[in-house]
Protein backbone atom coordinates (compact mmCIF):
# COMPACT_ATOMS: atom_id res chain seq x y z
CA MET A 1 102.57 97.09 65.53
CA ALA A 2 100.25 94.93 67.62
CA ASP A 3 99.64 95.77 71.25
CA GLU A 4 101.51 93.27 73.37
CA ALA A 5 100.21 92.66 76.89
CA GLN A 6 102.61 92.91 79.79
CA GLU A 7 101.97 90.99 82.97
CA PHE A 8 102.89 92.27 86.42
CA THR A 9 102.66 89.90 89.38
CA GLY A 10 104.30 92.21 91.90
CA ILE A 11 101.78 95.02 91.47
CA SER A 12 98.35 95.10 93.09
CA ILE A 13 95.38 97.41 92.69
CA ASN A 14 92.81 97.39 95.46
CA PRO A 15 90.23 100.16 95.83
CA ASN A 16 90.59 99.87 99.63
CA VAL A 17 94.35 100.45 99.60
CA ARG A 18 95.71 103.92 98.77
CA PHE A 19 92.51 104.81 96.90
CA GLY A 20 93.09 102.11 94.28
CA LYS A 21 96.49 103.30 93.16
CA ALA A 22 98.92 100.70 91.84
CA CYS A 23 100.96 99.42 94.79
CA ILE A 24 103.77 96.96 95.31
CA ALA A 25 101.87 93.78 96.20
CA GLY A 26 101.57 93.24 99.94
CA THR A 27 102.46 96.85 100.77
CA ARG A 28 100.90 100.29 100.76
CA ILE A 29 103.81 101.67 98.73
CA THR A 30 102.59 102.99 95.39
CA VAL A 31 104.32 102.91 92.04
CA SER A 32 104.05 106.69 92.18
CA ASP A 33 105.91 106.76 95.52
CA ILE A 34 108.80 104.84 93.95
CA LEU A 35 108.87 107.04 90.85
CA GLY A 36 108.94 110.12 93.05
CA TRP A 37 111.82 108.83 95.14
CA LEU A 38 113.85 107.86 92.09
CA SER A 39 113.17 111.17 90.33
CA GLY A 40 114.19 112.96 93.51
CA GLY A 41 117.60 111.33 93.33
CA MET A 42 117.24 108.40 95.71
CA SER A 43 119.13 105.30 94.69
CA GLU A 44 117.58 101.84 94.74
CA ALA A 45 119.82 101.03 97.71
CA ALA A 46 118.61 104.11 99.64
CA ILE A 47 114.96 103.25 98.96
CA ILE A 48 115.50 99.67 100.16
CA GLU A 49 117.33 100.94 103.25
CA ASP A 50 114.35 103.17 104.11
CA PHE A 51 111.77 100.54 103.10
CA PRO A 52 113.30 97.10 103.72
CA GLU A 53 110.07 95.40 102.64
CA LEU A 54 111.02 96.40 99.07
CA SER A 55 113.53 94.68 96.80
CA VAL A 56 115.37 95.72 93.66
CA ASP A 57 112.91 93.53 91.74
CA ASN A 58 109.97 95.48 93.24
CA ILE A 59 111.49 98.78 92.16
CA ARG A 60 112.18 97.53 88.64
CA GLU A 61 108.68 96.10 88.32
CA ALA A 62 107.29 99.49 89.36
CA LEU A 63 109.36 101.11 86.60
CA GLY A 64 108.15 98.55 84.08
CA TYR A 65 104.54 99.10 85.10
CA ALA A 66 104.95 102.87 84.79
CA ALA A 67 106.52 102.47 81.34
CA ALA A 68 103.66 100.22 80.21
CA ARG A 69 101.13 102.78 81.45
CA GLU A 70 102.96 105.56 79.64
CA ASN A 71 102.90 103.53 76.42
CA ARG A 72 99.24 102.75 77.03
CA GLY A 73 99.86 99.08 76.47
CA THR A 74 97.65 96.31 77.75
CA ILE A 75 98.48 95.61 81.39
CA ILE A 76 97.55 92.42 83.21
CA ILE A 77 97.69 92.33 87.02
CA ARG A 78 97.95 88.83 88.45
CA GLU A 79 98.38 87.65 92.01
CA LYS A 80 101.61 85.83 92.71
CA ARG A 81 101.16 82.15 93.29
CA ALA A 82 103.10 80.49 96.08
């Protein structure tokens, strides 16, 4: 099966932000933070209540990114265009 690239526009990687960890674009919240909260039992609604700068789409994109990393697929990070 051919490796199919997945594109993530809501994820950013900047070596000057959180030591280059994958973050939700425009925030300092890492994909790892979100995975930790979800695995600890927090609901999407609870995460958004605590971090109103996040959306359900952000959380789901973080999950998709983590799944792509786990599958070692090709990942493309693009900046969102206005």
